[in-house]
Amino acid sequence: MHGCACLGESVSASTTIYSGWTWDEVVGSAALAAALIKKGKRVFIEFPSPQEVKSLIISGAYTIGISHREGAILRNTTAIKFFNDKKLGIIFRYDGSGRSEIIMKFANVRSITETVLEYILTLNEKINVPEQLLNDIVSMNELRLDRLSRVGKIMYKALKMNYNNKEFRREMYNFALNAIKTKSLKLPEPVIREATKFDEALKIAGKLVREEHYIKYNTIPLLVVSTKFDDEFIKENFSLLKPIAYDLLLKLCRSNGLGMLVLETDLGHTLRICLHKKDLSFVKIISSIPRELSEKLLISLRGNHIIIKYKNPSESNLDNVLSLVNKITASILESGQ
């Protein structure tokens, strides 16, 4: 079911905006929707999950943060992307066969929202997003969380607790659209409520570390966040721990130079290995996996992390992933690293 941002009376045509899941992408989508509504269009909004994007066919629409690079097929569609490392916003136009060309570039922009605002000017419209909201988005993009305003901190915390929640994007979008319309940054109760869960999750995480509710292979910590794990503390607090599991992994990794996380997801269990040791390489870790087993796995590198998943989700049970961890840790410890 499409969600409609129908704030205008005059409707000459309709269009759909497909949005990514970050605050930046959602606010950018709200800004574009507001501009298109001013032009008399009826605007629908969709928030496909990253998994859904991979098989998505989009035609005659707009996308914010989504392009063919994420696996979607786009036809007769305008896609808006932002590259944070280059502070560059790019507008792609896809023809009926799915071929794309760059039709606009915007340099020295700080977010996809600012890219959208520049693009809106080319439509002979102007939309104003509250400056505080723009600055908070930039701070989140650059992970400068100490610069967030009070509202920005609540936004960040609420999203952390709902990163995989498609329905929560509707709350985010409605807040952004209202902020653009009224210039009020009054947060809806569901967003405030979810932010308080983040604070509760941090307290639980502190207790987890203090009481060592994780496995230790000599000096290598393994955090298991799963309802299948034989630890009542983890089971009881799974819903709070899951959204901050990566943050916990980073904490353990910085303290020990190496850390592992087994996380239960909708597609089974995933293993993530964080490496901060100079005397141990990713190659060494990956080579410790037996060849016959590695053929069943999807292995990728992201920054200083190795992410390992089973190709077949039915094989991605906790026992199999823990068996994989045993093989990797045994190899590391035998090498004396």
Protein backbone atom coordinates (compact mmCIF):
# COMPACT_ATOMS: atom_id res chain seq x y z
CA MET A 1 0.00 0.00 0.00
CA HIS A 2 1.45 3.34 -1.06
CA GLY A 3 1.59 6.18 1.45
CA CYS A 4 0.35 9.47 0.01
CA ALA A 5 1.67 12.89 1.00
CA CYS A 6 -1.43 14.62 -0.33
CA LEU A 7 -1.20 18.14 1.06
CA GLY A 8 -2.26 19.98 -2.09
CA GLU A 9 -5.70 20.41 -3.61
CA SER A 10 -4.70 20.58 -7.27
CA VAL A 11 -3.70 17.19 -8.67
CA SER A 12 -2.53 17.08 -12.25
CA ALA A 13 -0.48 13.89 -12.07
CA SER A 14 0.90 11.42 -9.56
CA THR A 15 4.38 10.13 -8.87
CA THR A 16 6.15 7.90 -6.37
CA ILE A 17 9.31 8.59 -4.40
CA TYR A 18 11.34 5.55 -3.34
CA SER A 19 13.43 6.49 -0.32
CA GLY A 20 16.44 5.06 1.44
CA TRP A 21 16.32 4.48 5.18
CA THR A 22 18.60 7.10 6.78
CA TRP A 23 17.38 10.35 8.30
CA ASP A 24 19.14 12.16 5.46
CA GLU A 25 17.31 10.18 2.77
CA VAL A 26 13.94 10.40 4.51
CA VAL A 27 14.17 14.18 5.04
CA GLY A 28 15.35 14.59 1.44
CA SER A 29 12.34 12.59 0.27
CA ALA A 30 10.03 14.80 2.33
CA ALA A 31 11.57 17.92 0.80
CA LEU A 32 11.12 16.57 -2.73
CA ALA A 33 7.55 15.54 -1.95
CA ALA A 34 6.77 19.04 -0.67
CA ALA A 35 8.14 20.57 -3.89
CA LEU A 36 6.22 18.20 -6.16
CA ILE A 37 3.02 18.81 -4.19
CA LYS A 38 3.49 22.55 -4.76
CA LYS A 39 3.64 21.78 -8.48
CA GLY A 40 0.25 20.06 -8.24
CA LYS A 41 1.38 16.45 -8.13
CA ARG A 42 -0.04 13.71 -5.97
CA VAL A 43 2.95 12.13 -4.26
CA PHE A 44 3.26 8.58 -2.94
CA ILE A 45 6.18 7.45 -0.81
CA GLU A 46 7.75 3.99 -0.51
CA PHE A 47 10.51 2.74 1.81
CA PRO A 48 11.82 -0.52 0.30
CA SER A 49 14.17 -2.46 2.55
CA PRO A 50 17.77 -2.97 1.36
CA GLN A 51 16.85 -6.57 0.57
CA GLU A 52 13.77 -5.50 -1.43
CA VAL A 53 15.79 -2.94 -3.40
CA LYS A 54 17.94 -5.71 -4.89
CA SER A 55 14.94 -7.07 -6.83
CA LEU A 56 13.04 -3.82 -7.29
CA ILE A 57 11.88 -2.55 -10.68
CA ILE A 58 11.12 1.18 -10.55
CA SER A 59 9.48 3.01 -13.42
CA GLY A 60 8.42 6.62 -13.88
CA ALA A 61 9.41 7.66 -10.37
CA TYR A 62 12.00 9.39 -8.20
CA THR A 63 14.52 7.68 -5.93
CA ILE A 64 16.46 9.16 -3.04
CA GLY A 65 19.59 7.20 -2.18
CA ILE A 66 18.65 4.31 -4.49
CA SER A 67 20.16 3.58 -7.90
CA HIS A 68 21.16 0.61 -10.06
CA ARG A 69 24.24 0.26 -7.84
CA GLU A 70 22.04 -1.17 -5.09
CA GLY A 71 20.63 -3.76 -7.48
CA ALA A 72 17.39 -2.03 -8.50
CA ILE A 73 16.27 -1.69 -12.12
CA LEU A 74 15.26 1.90 -12.87
CA ARG A 75 13.41 3.04 -15.99
CA ASN A 76 12.22 6.54 -16.87
CA THR A 77 13.27 7.52 -13.38
CA THR A 78 15.25 10.32 -11.73
CA ALA A 79 17.66 9.15 -9.03
CA ILE A 80 19.34 11.43 -6.50
CA LYS A 81 22.55 10.26 -4.83
CA PHE A 82 25.04 11.82 -2.44
CA PHE A 83 28.70 10.88 -1.99
CA ASN A 84 29.75 12.00 1.48
CA ASP A 85 33.50 11.52 0.96
CA LYS A 86 33.44 13.87 -2.04
CA LYS A 87 30.69 16.18 -0.75
CA LEU A 88 29.09 15.66 -4.15
CA GLY A 89 25.45 15.29 -5.10
CA ILE A 90 24.56 13.67 -8.42
CA ILE A 91 21.27 13.49 -10.32
CA PHE A 92 20.91 10.46 -12.61
CA ARG A 93 18.26 10.09 -15.28
CA TYR A 94 17.33 6.60 -16.45
CA ASP A 95 15.72 6.07 -19.85
CA GLY A 96 13.11 3.47 -20.80
CA SER A 97 15.72 0.76 -21.27
CA GLY A 98 17.36 1.38 -17.89
CA ARG A 99 20.43 3.21 -19.18
CA SER A 100 21.53 6.08 -16.98
CA GLU A 101 23.26 9.40 -17.53
CA ILE A 102 24.36 12.09 -15.15
CA ILE A 103 22.24 15.17 -15.80
CA MET A 104 23.37 17.33 -12.86
CA LYS A 105 26.16 17.55 -10.31
CA PHE A 106 26.16 19.65 -7.17
CA ALA A 107 29.54 20.25 -5.52
CA ASN A 108 30.14 21.23 -1.89
CA VAL A 109 26.84 19.88 -0.63
CA ARG A 110 26.82 18.27 2.81
CA SER A 111 23.97 15.80 2.49
CA ILE A 112 21.49 14.20 0.14
CA THR A 113 18.90 16.59 1.58
CA GLU A 114 20.97 19.58 0.45
CA THR A 115 21.35 17.87 -2.95
CA VAL A 116 17.56 17.54 -3.18
CA LEU A 117 17.13 21.22 -2.28
CA GLU A 118 19.50 22.22 -5.08
CA TYR A 119 17.61 19.99 -7.50
CA ILE A 120 14.28 21.50 -6.43
CA LEU A 121 15.57 24.93 -7.49
CA THR A 122 15.94 23.57 -11.04
CA LEU A 123 12.20 22.77 -10.91
CA ASN A 124 11.57 26.47 -10.23
CA GLU A 125 10.47 25.70 -6.69
CA LYS A 126 12.04 26.48 -3.32
CA ILE A 127 11.67 24.44 -0.16
CA ASN A 128 13.10 25.48 3.20
CA VAL A 129 14.20 22.81 5.66
CA PRO A 130 14.86 24.06 9.22
CA GLU A 131 18.57 24.84 9.58
CA GLN A 132 18.87 22.83 12.79
CA LEU A 133 17.51 19.76 11.02
CA LEU A 134 19.98 20.21 8.16
CA ASN A 135 22.89 20.53 10.58
CA ASP A 136 21.82 17.50 12.60
CA ILE A 137 21.67 15.42 9.42
CA VAL A 138 25.22 16.48 8.53
CA SER A 139 26.44 15.61 12.03
CA MET A 140 24.88 12.14 11.73
CA ASN A 141 26.39 11.61 8.26
CA GLU A 142 29.83 12.52 9.58
CA LEU A 143 29.34 10.64 12.89
CA ARG A 144 30.02 13.84 14.83
CA LEU A 145 27.40 12.96 17.39
CA ASP A 146 28.72 15.46 19.95
CA ARG A 147 27.45 18.21 17.63
CA LEU A 148 23.87 16.98 17.59
CA SER A 149 21.17 19.19 19.03
CA ARG A 150 18.77 17.81 21.64
CA VAL A 151 16.32 16.98 18.85
CA GLY A 152 19.11 15.47 16.76
CA LYS A 153 20.17 13.18 19.59
CA ILE A 154 16.62 11.90 19.96
CA MET A 155 16.39 11.35 16.19
CA TYR A 156 19.69 9.44 16.18
CA LYS A 157 18.77 7.23 19.14
CA ALA A 158 15.32 6.42 17.75
CA LEU A 159 16.76 5.39 14.40
CA LYS A 160 19.41 3.20 16.04
CA MET A 161 16.65 1.22 17.74
CA ASN A 162 14.64 0.91 14.52
CA TYR A 163 17.22 0.63 11.75
CA ASN A 164 15.55 -2.44 10.24
CA ASN A 165 11.99 -1.27 10.91
CA LYS A 166 10.30 -0.23 7.68
CA GLU A 167 7.18 1.06 9.43
CA PHE A 168 9.23 3.43 11.58
CA ARG A 169 10.28 5.26 8.39
CA ARG A 170 6.69 6.49 8.14
CA GLU A 171 7.05 8.20 11.53
CA MET A 172 10.33 9.73 10.39
CA TYR A 173 8.80 10.92 7.12
CA ASN A 174 5.72 12.43 8.75
CA PHE A 175 7.93 14.33 11.20
CA ALA A 176 10.14 15.64 8.37
CA LEU A 177 7.19 16.67 6.19
CA ASN A 178 5.56 18.47 9.12
CA ALA A 179 8.85 20.22 9.98
CA ILE A 180 9.12 21.50 6.41
CA LYS A 181 5.49 22.64 6.38
CA THR A 182 5.31 24.23 9.86
CA LYS A 183 9.01 24.81 10.72
CA SER A 184 8.29 23.04 14.02
CA LEU A 185 10.74 20.43 15.25
CA LYS A 186 8.34 18.96 17.77
CA LEU A 187 9.03 15.25 17.72
CA PRO A 188 6.14 12.76 17.65
CA GLU A 189 5.68 10.58 20.71
CA PRO A 190 6.71 7.31 18.93
CA VAL A 191 10.12 8.82 18.06
CA ILE A 192 10.67 10.03 21.64
CA ARG A 193 9.58 6.66 23.01
CA GLU A 194 12.01 4.76 20.78
CA ALA A 195 14.86 7.06 21.80
CA THR A 196 14.31 6.18 25.46
CA LYS A 197 14.75 2.52 24.52
CA PHE A 198 18.25 3.38 23.28
CA ASP A 199 19.20 4.73 26.70
CA GLU A 200 17.81 1.57 28.28
CA ALA A 201 19.77 -0.55 25.79
CA LEU A 202 23.01 1.20 26.76
CA LYS A 203 22.41 0.31 30.42
CA ILE A 204 21.81 -3.33 29.45
CA ALA A 205 24.97 -3.28 27.32
CA GLY A 206 27.01 -1.98 30.24
CA LYS A 207 25.72 -4.81 32.41
CA LEU A 208 26.51 -7.34 29.66
CA VAL A 209 30.13 -6.22 29.55
CA ARG A 210 30.55 -5.98 33.32
CA GLU A 211 29.07 -9.42 33.94
CA GLU A 212 30.78 -10.89 30.86
CA HIS A 213 27.73 -12.33 29.13
CA TYR A 214 29.92 -13.31 26.21
CA ILE A 215 32.28 -16.15 25.31
CA LYS A 216 36.04 -15.78 25.62
CA TYR A 217 38.45 -17.81 23.51
CA ASN A 218 41.58 -16.98 25.47
CA THR A 219 41.85 -13.23 24.69
CA ILE A 220 39.29 -13.25 21.85
CA PRO A 221 35.79 -12.12 22.91
CA LEU A 222 32.74 -13.49 21.09
CA LEU A 223 29.43 -11.73 21.60
CA VAL A 224 26.37 -13.81 20.69
CA VAL A 225 23.12 -11.85 20.30
CA SER A 226 20.55 -14.52 19.59
CA THR A 227 17.35 -15.89 21.08
CA LYS A 228 18.89 -19.34 20.52
CA PHE A 229 21.91 -18.65 22.73
CA ASP A 230 22.01 -20.44 26.08
CA ASP A 231 22.11 -17.30 28.20
CA GLU A 232 18.89 -16.01 29.79
CA PHE A 233 20.24 -12.46 30.04
CA ILE A 234 20.80 -12.33 26.27
CA LYS A 235 17.44 -13.93 25.52
CA GLU A 236 15.50 -11.58 27.79
CA ASN A 237 17.19 -8.47 26.38
CA PHE A 238 17.52 -9.54 22.75
CA SER A 239 15.25 -6.82 21.34
CA LEU A 240 17.29 -4.11 23.07
CA LEU A 241 20.71 -5.61 22.37
CA LYS A 242 20.20 -6.35 18.68
CA PRO A 243 20.10 -2.69 17.51
CA ILE A 244 23.33 -1.85 19.37
CA ALA A 245 25.16 -5.14 18.77
CA TYR A 246 27.67 -3.55 16.37
CA ASP A 247 28.45 -0.82 18.91
CA LEU A 248 29.10 -3.52 21.52
CA LEU A 249 31.37 -5.36 19.10
CA LEU A 250 33.41 -2.18 18.52
CA LYS A 251 33.79 -1.70 22.28
CA LEU A 252 35.09 -5.25 22.76
CA CYS A 253 37.27 -4.96 19.64
CA ARG A 254 38.98 -1.77 20.80
CA SER A 255 39.70 -3.31 24.19
CA ASN A 256 41.10 -6.59 22.84
CA GLY A 257 42.33 -5.79 19.31
CA LEU A 258 39.98 -8.43 17.96
CA GLY A 259 36.31 -9.14 18.51
CA MET A 260 33.59 -11.34 17.06
CA LEU A 261 29.83 -11.03 16.92
CA VAL A 262 27.25 -13.65 16.02
CA LEU A 263 23.96 -11.88 15.35
CA GLU A 264 20.55 -13.41 14.75
CA THR A 265 18.78 -11.83 11.76
CA ASP A 266 15.67 -12.58 9.73
CA LEU A 267 17.88 -14.68 7.42
CA GLY A 268 19.64 -16.67 10.08
CA HIS A 269 22.88 -15.90 11.92
CA THR A 270 25.68 -13.68 10.65
CA LEU A 271 29.29 -13.60 11.86
CA ARG A 272 31.09 -10.26 11.99
CA ILE A 273 34.78 -10.06 12.90
CA CYS A 274 36.33 -6.74 13.93
CA LEU A 275 40.11 -6.44 13.63
CA HIS A 276 42.32 -3.83 15.32
CA LYS A 277 45.51 -5.93 15.53
CA LYS A 278 48.41 -5.02 13.26
CA ASP A 279 50.00 -8.47 13.55
CA LEU A 280 46.91 -10.27 12.23
CA SER A 281 45.54 -9.92 8.71
CA PHE A 282 42.15 -10.49 7.13
CA VAL A 283 43.83 -12.94 4.78
CA LYS A 284 45.01 -15.03 7.74
CA ILE A 285 41.49 -15.13 9.20
CA ILE A 286 39.77 -16.00 5.93
CA SER A 287 42.37 -18.66 5.05
CA SER A 288 41.61 -20.44 8.34
CA ILE A 289 38.19 -21.42 6.96
CA PRO A 290 38.28 -24.89 5.33
CA ARG A 291 37.79 -24.77 1.56
CA GLU A 292 34.74 -27.04 1.57
CA LEU A 293 33.10 -24.74 4.12
CA SER A 294 34.10 -21.47 2.45
CA GLU A 295 32.25 -22.56 -0.69
CA LYS A 296 29.01 -22.35 1.31
CA LEU A 297 29.72 -18.85 2.59
CA LEU A 298 29.41 -15.26 1.45
CA ILE A 299 32.46 -13.39 2.75
CA SER A 300 32.84 -9.63 2.42
CA LEU A 301 35.09 -6.91 3.84
CA ARG A 302 33.75 -3.62 5.16
CA GLY A 303 36.31 -1.29 6.69
CA ASN A 304 38.09 -3.24 9.41
CA HIS A 305 35.32 -5.85 9.54
CA ILE A 306 34.85 -9.25 7.93
CA ILE A 307 31.21 -10.21 7.42
CA ILE A 308 30.41 -13.88 6.90
CA LYS A 309 27.01 -15.30 5.98
CA TYR A 310 25.83 -18.67 4.74
CA LYS A 311 24.61 -18.59 1.15
CA ASN A 312 21.72 -20.83 2.13
CA PRO A 313 19.83 -19.24 5.04
CA SER A 314 18.61 -22.66 6.17
CA GLU A 315 22.22 -23.52 7.05
CA SER A 316 22.73 -20.31 8.97
CA ASN A 317 21.73 -21.70 12.35
CA LEU A 318 23.55 -20.85 15.55
CA ASP A 319 25.33 -24.20 15.86
CA ASN A 320 26.83 -23.95 12.36
CA VAL A 321 28.03 -20.40 12.89
CA LEU A 322 29.54 -21.20 16.29
CA SER A 323 31.31 -24.18 14.72
CA LEU A 324 32.77 -21.76 12.16
CA VAL A 325 33.91 -19.46 14.98
CA ASN A 326 35.64 -22.40 16.67
CA LYS A 327 37.63 -23.14 13.51
CA ILE A 328 38.68 -19.52 13.06
CA THR A 329 39.65 -18.91 16.70
CA ALA A 330 41.56 -22.21 16.91
CA SER A 331 43.64 -21.20 13.89
CA ILE A 332 44.35 -17.74 15.31
CA LEU A 333 45.35 -19.06 18.72
CA GLU A 334 47.53 -21.81 17.25
CA SER A 335 49.46 -19.19 15.29
CA GLY A 336 50.08 -17.30 18.52
CA GLN A 337 48.43 -14.10 17.31
